[in-house]
Amino acid sequence: MAHAFKLLILAAFLFISLLGSNGERCGTSSIQVQTINTGVAAAGGDTVFEVEVKNLCSCSVRNVRLDGGGFATSMYVDPALFRADDGAYLVNGGEPVAAMAEVTFRYAWDHFFQMTPRSLEVDGQC
């Protein structure tokens, strides 16, 4: 009986671990945002930064939105990759980002902007 109880506790622990702290399997903590100074100067002298938004979740996610910290750019950013949307910034046009996949874009400004995940949706059943 004690062995069955231990197995039940272990199974419950593993289940909770998979769900995460907010009851969801994929949350904003599953999105990694890294900004890299490329060392390149854009026209006008602004520094070019490369942003990598990576889905660390084992599920595909969509409608990934970031807080942009006052984002601005002096160079073109493909709106299919990153655009202002409803008070945040939509990544990949809201389309799915596969598990462990990344979306990368570049912008230019005199300083980098701290970008943090705001929201996402799990794409389908996972």
N, C-alpha and C. Protein backbone atom coordinates (compact mmCIF):
# COMPACT_ATOMS: atom_id res chain seq x y z
N MET A 1 0.82 -1.20 0.00
CA MET A 1 0.00 0.00 0.00
C MET A 1 0.86 1.26 0.00
N ALA A 2 1.94 1.25 0.79
CA ALA A 2 2.83 2.40 0.85
C ALA A 2 3.49 2.64 -0.50
N HIS A 3 3.82 1.57 -1.22
CA HIS A 3 4.44 1.69 -2.53
C HIS A 3 3.47 2.36 -3.52
N ALA A 4 2.21 1.96 -3.49
CA ALA A 4 1.20 2.55 -4.37
C ALA A 4 1.01 4.03 -4.06
N PHE A 5 1.04 4.38 -2.79
CA PHE A 5 0.90 5.78 -2.39
C PHE A 5 2.08 6.61 -2.90
N LYS A 6 3.29 6.07 -2.80
CA LYS A 6 4.48 6.77 -3.30
C LYS A 6 4.40 6.98 -4.81
N LEU A 7 3.93 5.97 -5.52
CA LEU A 7 3.78 6.10 -6.96
C LEU A 7 2.73 7.16 -7.32
N LEU A 8 1.66 7.20 -6.56
CA LEU A 8 0.62 8.20 -6.78
C LEU A 8 1.17 9.61 -6.55
N ILE A 9 1.93 9.80 -5.49
CA ILE A 9 2.53 11.10 -5.20
C ILE A 9 3.50 11.49 -6.31
N LEU A 10 4.33 10.55 -6.76
CA LEU A 10 5.28 10.82 -7.83
C LEU A 10 4.55 11.20 -9.12
N ALA A 11 3.50 10.48 -9.46
CA ALA A 11 2.72 10.78 -10.67
C ALA A 11 2.10 12.17 -10.58
N ALA A 12 1.56 12.52 -9.41
CA ALA A 12 0.96 13.84 -9.22
C ALA A 12 2.02 14.93 -9.37
N PHE A 13 3.19 14.71 -8.80
CA PHE A 13 4.28 15.68 -8.90
C PHE A 13 4.69 15.89 -10.35
N LEU A 14 4.85 14.81 -11.10
CA LEU A 14 5.23 14.92 -12.50
C LEU A 14 4.16 15.64 -13.32
N PHE A 15 2.91 15.35 -13.04
CA PHE A 15 1.81 16.01 -13.75
C PHE A 15 1.82 17.51 -13.50
N ILE A 16 1.99 17.90 -12.24
CA ILE A 16 2.02 19.32 -11.89
C ILE A 16 3.24 19.99 -12.51
N SER A 17 4.36 19.30 -12.55
CA SER A 17 5.57 19.85 -13.17
C SER A 17 5.36 20.13 -14.64
N LEU A 18 4.66 19.24 -15.33
CA LEU A 18 4.40 19.44 -16.75
C LEU A 18 3.47 20.62 -16.99
N LEU A 19 2.53 20.82 -16.11
CA LEU A 19 1.56 21.90 -16.28
C LEU A 19 2.17 23.27 -16.04
N GLY A 20 3.12 23.37 -15.16
CA GLY A 20 3.70 24.67 -14.84
C GLY A 20 2.97 25.31 -13.69
N SER A 21 3.48 26.44 -13.29
CA SER A 21 2.96 27.08 -12.08
C SER A 21 1.60 27.73 -12.28
N ASN A 22 1.23 28.08 -13.51
CA ASN A 22 -0.05 28.75 -13.72
C ASN A 22 -1.11 27.81 -14.27
N GLY A 23 -0.87 26.51 -14.21
CA GLY A 23 -1.86 25.55 -14.67
C GLY A 23 -1.85 25.34 -16.17
N GLU A 24 -0.94 26.00 -16.87
CA GLU A 24 -0.83 25.83 -18.31
C GLU A 24 0.50 25.18 -18.63
N ARG A 25 0.50 24.42 -19.70
CA ARG A 25 1.73 23.76 -20.10
C ARG A 25 2.71 24.76 -20.72
N CYS A 26 2.20 25.72 -21.46
CA CYS A 26 3.03 26.74 -22.09
C CYS A 26 2.56 28.11 -21.63
N GLY A 27 3.42 28.82 -20.98
CA GLY A 27 3.10 30.17 -20.53
C GLY A 27 4.12 31.14 -21.08
N THR A 28 4.03 32.39 -20.64
CA THR A 28 4.96 33.40 -21.13
C THR A 28 6.40 33.06 -20.78
N SER A 29 6.60 32.29 -19.72
CA SER A 29 7.97 31.90 -19.37
C SER A 29 8.55 30.92 -20.39
N SER A 30 7.72 30.40 -21.29
CA SER A 30 8.18 29.50 -22.35
C SER A 30 8.75 30.27 -23.54
N ILE A 31 8.62 31.58 -23.52
CA ILE A 31 9.11 32.41 -24.61
C ILE A 31 10.39 33.11 -24.16
N GLN A 32 11.47 32.88 -24.91
CA GLN A 32 12.76 33.48 -24.61
C GLN A 32 13.01 34.60 -25.63
N VAL A 33 13.31 35.79 -25.13
CA VAL A 33 13.60 36.92 -26.01
C VAL A 33 15.04 37.36 -25.76
N GLN A 34 15.85 37.33 -26.81
CA GLN A 34 17.24 37.76 -26.71
C GLN A 34 17.48 38.86 -27.72
N THR A 35 18.10 39.94 -27.27
CA THR A 35 18.47 41.04 -28.15
C THR A 35 19.99 41.11 -28.22
N ILE A 36 20.51 41.14 -29.43
CA ILE A 36 21.95 41.13 -29.65
C ILE A 36 22.35 42.38 -30.43
N ASN A 37 23.37 43.07 -29.95
CA ASN A 37 23.95 44.19 -30.68
C ASN A 37 24.79 43.60 -31.80
N THR A 38 24.43 43.86 -33.05
CA THR A 38 25.14 43.27 -34.19
C THR A 38 26.48 43.96 -34.46
N GLY A 39 26.67 45.15 -33.90
CA GLY A 39 27.89 45.90 -34.17
C GLY A 39 27.86 46.63 -35.50
N VAL A 40 26.73 46.58 -36.18
CA VAL A 40 26.55 47.23 -37.47
C VAL A 40 25.81 48.54 -37.25
N ALA A 41 26.20 49.57 -38.00
CA ALA A 41 25.50 50.85 -37.94
C ALA A 41 24.57 50.95 -39.15
N ALA A 42 23.35 51.35 -38.89
CA ALA A 42 22.38 51.57 -39.97
C ALA A 42 22.61 52.96 -40.55
N ALA A 43 21.93 53.26 -41.64
CA ALA A 43 21.97 54.60 -42.21
C ALA A 43 21.52 55.58 -41.13
N GLY A 44 22.24 56.64 -40.95
CA GLY A 44 21.91 57.59 -39.90
C GLY A 44 22.67 57.33 -38.62
N GLY A 45 23.40 56.22 -38.56
CA GLY A 45 24.26 55.96 -37.41
C GLY A 45 23.68 55.14 -36.29
N ASP A 46 22.39 54.81 -36.35
CA ASP A 46 21.80 53.99 -35.29
C ASP A 46 22.39 52.58 -35.30
N THR A 47 22.46 51.97 -34.14
CA THR A 47 22.96 50.61 -34.00
C THR A 47 21.90 49.61 -34.42
N VAL A 48 22.30 48.57 -35.13
CA VAL A 48 21.38 47.51 -35.55
C VAL A 48 21.39 46.42 -34.48
N PHE A 49 20.21 46.08 -34.01
CA PHE A 49 20.02 45.02 -33.03
C PHE A 49 19.25 43.88 -33.68
N GLU A 50 19.58 42.66 -33.27
CA GLU A 50 18.85 41.49 -33.74
C GLU A 50 18.10 40.89 -32.56
N VAL A 51 16.83 40.64 -32.76
CA VAL A 51 15.98 40.07 -31.71
C VAL A 51 15.60 38.65 -32.12
N GLU A 52 15.81 37.72 -31.19
CA GLU A 52 15.42 36.33 -31.40
C GLU A 52 14.35 35.99 -30.38
N VAL A 53 13.18 35.61 -30.88
CA VAL A 53 12.07 35.19 -30.03
C VAL A 53 11.94 33.68 -30.22
N LYS A 54 12.24 32.93 -29.16
CA LYS A 54 12.28 31.47 -29.26
C LYS A 54 11.20 30.84 -28.39
N ASN A 55 10.51 29.86 -28.96
CA ASN A 55 9.49 29.10 -28.24
C ASN A 55 10.15 27.90 -27.58
N LEU A 56 10.32 27.93 -26.27
CA LEU A 56 10.95 26.84 -25.53
C LEU A 56 9.96 25.76 -25.11
N CYS A 57 8.69 25.97 -25.40
CA CYS A 57 7.66 25.01 -25.03
C CYS A 57 7.68 23.82 -25.98
N SER A 58 7.21 22.69 -25.51
CA SER A 58 7.14 21.50 -26.35
C SER A 58 5.92 21.53 -27.27
N CYS A 59 5.11 22.58 -27.15
CA CYS A 59 3.93 22.76 -28.00
C CYS A 59 4.14 23.95 -28.93
N SER A 60 3.46 23.93 -30.05
CA SER A 60 3.44 25.08 -30.93
C SER A 60 2.57 26.16 -30.28
N VAL A 61 2.97 27.42 -30.41
CA VAL A 61 2.20 28.53 -29.85
C VAL A 61 1.92 29.56 -30.94
N ARG A 62 0.87 30.34 -30.75
CA ARG A 62 0.52 31.38 -31.71
C ARG A 62 0.09 32.63 -30.96
N ASN A 63 -0.12 33.69 -31.70
CA ASN A 63 -0.50 34.98 -31.12
C ASN A 63 0.45 35.37 -29.99
N VAL A 64 1.74 35.20 -30.24
CA VAL A 64 2.75 35.60 -29.26
C VAL A 64 2.85 37.12 -29.28
N ARG A 65 2.65 37.73 -28.12
CA ARG A 65 2.73 39.18 -27.99
C ARG A 65 3.80 39.54 -26.97
N LEU A 66 4.55 40.61 -27.30
CA LEU A 66 5.60 41.10 -26.42
C LEU A 66 5.27 42.51 -25.97
N ASP A 67 5.73 42.86 -24.77
CA ASP A 67 5.78 44.25 -24.35
C ASP A 67 7.07 44.79 -24.91
N GLY A 68 7.01 45.93 -25.56
CA GLY A 68 8.16 46.45 -26.29
C GLY A 68 8.96 47.53 -25.62
N GLY A 69 8.56 47.99 -24.44
CA GLY A 69 9.34 48.98 -23.72
C GLY A 69 9.58 50.26 -24.50
N GLY A 70 8.57 50.78 -25.20
CA GLY A 70 8.73 52.01 -25.97
C GLY A 70 9.40 51.81 -27.31
N PHE A 71 9.28 50.63 -27.87
CA PHE A 71 9.97 50.26 -29.10
C PHE A 71 9.84 51.31 -30.20
N ALA A 72 10.96 51.56 -30.87
CA ALA A 72 11.02 52.42 -32.05
C ALA A 72 12.15 51.89 -32.92
N THR A 73 12.11 52.21 -34.19
CA THR A 73 13.17 51.78 -35.09
C THR A 73 13.34 52.79 -36.21
N SER A 74 14.57 52.90 -36.69
CA SER A 74 14.85 53.78 -37.82
C SER A 74 15.04 52.99 -39.11
N MET A 75 14.84 51.68 -39.05
CA MET A 75 14.91 50.86 -40.26
C MET A 75 13.65 50.01 -40.37
N TYR A 76 13.40 49.54 -41.56
CA TYR A 76 12.21 48.74 -41.84
C TYR A 76 12.27 47.41 -41.08
N VAL A 77 11.15 47.08 -40.43
CA VAL A 77 10.97 45.77 -39.81
C VAL A 77 9.76 45.13 -40.48
N ASP A 78 9.94 43.94 -41.01
CA ASP A 78 8.86 43.24 -41.70
C ASP A 78 7.69 43.04 -40.74
N PRO A 79 6.53 43.65 -41.02
CA PRO A 79 5.39 43.52 -40.11
C PRO A 79 4.86 42.08 -39.99
N ALA A 80 5.24 41.21 -40.91
CA ALA A 80 4.85 39.80 -40.77
C ALA A 80 5.64 39.14 -39.64
N LEU A 81 6.77 39.75 -39.26
CA LEU A 81 7.60 39.21 -38.18
C LEU A 81 7.34 39.89 -36.84
N PHE A 82 7.10 41.23 -36.88
CA PHE A 82 6.97 42.00 -35.64
C PHE A 82 6.24 43.30 -35.95
N ARG A 83 5.11 43.51 -35.28
CA ARG A 83 4.35 44.74 -35.51
C ARG A 83 3.54 45.11 -34.28
N ALA A 84 3.24 46.40 -34.17
CA ALA A 84 2.40 46.89 -33.09
C ALA A 84 1.00 46.32 -33.26
N ASP A 85 0.39 45.91 -32.12
CA ASP A 85 -0.93 45.31 -32.18
C ASP A 85 -1.59 45.41 -30.81
N ASP A 86 -2.61 46.23 -30.70
CA ASP A 86 -3.43 46.30 -29.50
C ASP A 86 -2.62 46.54 -28.22
N GLY A 87 -1.72 47.52 -28.26
CA GLY A 87 -0.95 47.89 -27.08
C GLY A 87 0.25 47.02 -26.80
N ALA A 88 0.52 46.06 -27.69
CA ALA A 88 1.68 45.18 -27.54
C ALA A 88 2.29 45.02 -28.93
N TYR A 89 3.16 44.04 -29.07
CA TYR A 89 3.78 43.77 -30.37
C TYR A 89 3.58 42.30 -30.71
N LEU A 90 2.99 42.06 -31.88
CA LEU A 90 2.66 40.72 -32.34
C LEU A 90 3.85 40.12 -33.09
N VAL A 91 4.20 38.91 -32.72
CA VAL A 91 5.33 38.20 -33.33
C VAL A 91 4.80 37.23 -34.39
N ASN A 92 5.48 37.19 -35.52
CA ASN A 92 5.17 36.24 -36.60
C ASN A 92 3.74 36.40 -37.13
N GLY A 93 3.23 37.60 -37.06
CA GLY A 93 1.89 37.86 -37.57
C GLY A 93 0.80 37.08 -36.87
N GLY A 94 1.10 36.58 -35.66
CA GLY A 94 0.14 35.77 -34.91
C GLY A 94 0.12 34.31 -35.33
N GLU A 95 0.88 33.98 -36.35
CA GLU A 95 0.94 32.60 -36.85
C GLU A 95 1.71 31.71 -35.87
N PRO A 96 1.53 30.40 -35.97
CA PRO A 96 2.20 29.50 -35.04
C PRO A 96 3.73 29.58 -35.10
N VAL A 97 4.32 29.43 -33.93
CA VAL A 97 5.77 29.27 -33.79
C VAL A 97 5.94 27.87 -33.22
N ALA A 98 6.57 27.00 -33.98
CA ALA A 98 6.71 25.60 -33.58
C ALA A 98 7.57 25.47 -32.32
N ALA A 99 7.45 24.33 -31.67
CA ALA A 99 8.26 24.05 -30.49
C ALA A 99 9.74 24.18 -30.85
N MET A 100 10.48 24.87 -30.02
CA MET A 100 11.92 25.10 -30.15
C MET A 100 12.29 25.92 -31.40
N ALA A 101 11.32 26.51 -32.07
CA ALA A 101 11.60 27.35 -33.24
C ALA A 101 11.77 28.79 -32.78
N GLU A 102 12.33 29.60 -33.66
CA GLU A 102 12.55 31.00 -33.33
C GLU A 102 12.12 31.89 -34.48
N VAL A 103 11.78 33.11 -34.12
CA VAL A 103 11.47 34.16 -35.08
C VAL A 103 12.50 35.25 -34.83
N THR A 104 13.17 35.68 -35.89
CA THR A 104 14.25 36.66 -35.75
C THR A 104 13.95 37.88 -36.62
N PHE A 105 14.20 39.06 -36.07
CA PHE A 105 14.08 40.29 -36.84
C PHE A 105 15.14 41.27 -36.36
N ARG A 106 15.37 42.30 -37.15
CA ARG A 106 16.35 43.33 -36.80
C ARG A 106 15.67 44.69 -36.76
N TYR A 107 16.19 45.54 -35.90
CA TYR A 107 15.76 46.93 -35.85
C TYR A 107 16.98 47.80 -35.58
N ALA A 108 16.84 49.10 -35.78
CA ALA A 108 17.94 50.02 -35.53
C ALA A 108 17.45 51.18 -34.67
N TRP A 109 18.25 51.50 -33.65
CA TRP A 109 17.96 52.63 -32.78
C TRP A 109 19.24 52.96 -32.02
N ASP A 110 19.22 54.04 -31.25
CA ASP A 110 20.44 54.41 -30.52
C ASP A 110 20.64 53.61 -29.24
N HIS A 111 19.66 52.79 -28.88
CA HIS A 111 19.78 51.88 -27.72
C HIS A 111 18.84 50.69 -27.94
N PHE A 112 19.06 49.64 -27.16
CA PHE A 112 18.19 48.47 -27.30
C PHE A 112 16.94 48.67 -26.45
N PHE A 113 15.90 47.93 -26.78
CA PHE A 113 14.65 47.95 -26.03
C PHE A 113 14.46 46.61 -25.34
N GLN A 114 14.15 46.68 -24.06
CA GLN A 114 13.87 45.47 -23.29
C GLN A 114 12.49 44.95 -23.71
N MET A 115 12.45 43.76 -24.25
CA MET A 115 11.19 43.17 -24.69
C MET A 115 10.90 41.94 -23.84
N THR A 116 9.67 41.86 -23.38
CA THR A 116 9.27 40.74 -22.52
C THR A 116 7.96 40.13 -23.03
N PRO A 117 7.81 38.82 -22.89
CA PRO A 117 6.58 38.16 -23.33
C PRO A 117 5.37 38.66 -22.53
N ARG A 118 4.30 38.95 -23.23
CA ARG A 118 3.07 39.39 -22.58
C ARG A 118 2.01 38.30 -22.60
N SER A 119 1.83 37.66 -23.75
CA SER A 119 0.79 36.63 -23.85
C SER A 119 1.06 35.74 -25.06
N LEU A 120 0.37 34.60 -25.05
CA LEU A 120 0.44 33.64 -26.16
C LEU A 120 -0.74 32.70 -26.05
N GLU A 121 -0.96 31.93 -27.09
CA GLU A 121 -1.97 30.88 -27.08
C GLU A 121 -1.32 29.59 -27.55
N VAL A 122 -1.67 28.48 -26.90
CA VAL A 122 -1.19 27.18 -27.37
C VAL A 122 -1.95 26.87 -28.64
N ASP A 123 -1.24 26.43 -29.66
CA ASP A 123 -1.83 26.16 -30.97
C ASP A 123 -2.38 24.75 -31.01
N GLY A 124 -3.68 24.60 -30.91
CA GLY A 124 -4.32 23.30 -30.99
C GLY A 124 -4.11 22.46 -29.74
N GLN A 125 -4.29 21.17 -29.90
CA GLN A 125 -4.12 20.23 -28.78
C GLN A 125 -2.65 19.93 -28.59
N CYS A 126 -2.24 19.88 -27.34
CA CYS A 126 -0.85 19.57 -27.07
C CYS A 126 -0.76 18.80 -25.77
